[in-house]
Amino acid sequence: MLKDQLAEGLYYNRIKKFEDILSVLSGIIYWVLSFSRIQAYKHWLNTNISNASYPTYSWLRNVLIAMGVLVTFLMINIPLEIFFNFGARHFIQWQFFYFYLAVLVYYLGFTGYQQKDFEVAFQTEKRSAMTLNTEQISTVKEKLLKAINEDKVFLDAELNLNALARQIGVGEGVLSAIINEEFYQNFRNFINEKRVEEVKRKLLSQEYKHLSILGIALESGFNSEASFYRVFKGITGQSPKDFLQKNNSQNPF
């Protein structure tokens, strides 16, 4: 046919195959860059921020997983196209590809639309490794526990690693390393665990019976209902109401 002859004369098929290869390469590059960016944000969040209401962007992880499947599909499909002319004989793989791509685009659109406006500025920085001896580590650890148990710094919903490090009088890198190596936790989990312990104590105390569960949570360092319930259940494995019912049944009087 004349159309096929013109296409061949203008190297259409070769160019199209070259475009397919470039699409796979660009997909891989964008996927790697996006994944590394999400990982960097997650590391920054866990290391520096105790505020549980900060977005974790877990929905983006789902998008990246879906994109990974899509890129894998393209990587498998293009060699079949180039070496076995699979597309000319079996068009169903492209039908699947277009359907999958449409679902992914709609998911990204709807999920992105539902996200609340939230500006997050973060930057990754290199910190010096901990170079303290046993006595110095013990001193910093003692100051940290004093700030937690006596000063109750975790009651500040906006507490971050920098503020706590300045209060204790050590560098951020040193404090972060001590929390990781001495308590086997990152900063975010360490602080929120203390907040949950405070909530549990107040829930069982007659002194705070006049407060609602949310009121107690807000007094304990949380600043949103959704993040409180998520963190509480993540740490204890049960909701605050279940925790209350279980402990009230064990202590009826």
Foldseek 3Di string as FASTA:
>chain_A
DVVVVVCVVVVVVVVVLVVLVVVLVVLVVVLVVVVVVLVQVQVCCLAWWQALPPDSPVVVVVLSVLSVVLSVLSVVVSVCCPPVVVCVVDVVSVVVSVVSVVVSVVSCVVVVVPDDDDDDDDDDDDDDADDDDPVVLVLLVVLLVCCCVPVVPLQALGGTLVVSCVVSVHDSNNVQVSCCPVVVGHPNLVSVVSLLVQLLVLLPDPVNPVDDSVRSSNSSRHDDDVSNQVSNCVVPVDGPVVSSVVVCVVVVD
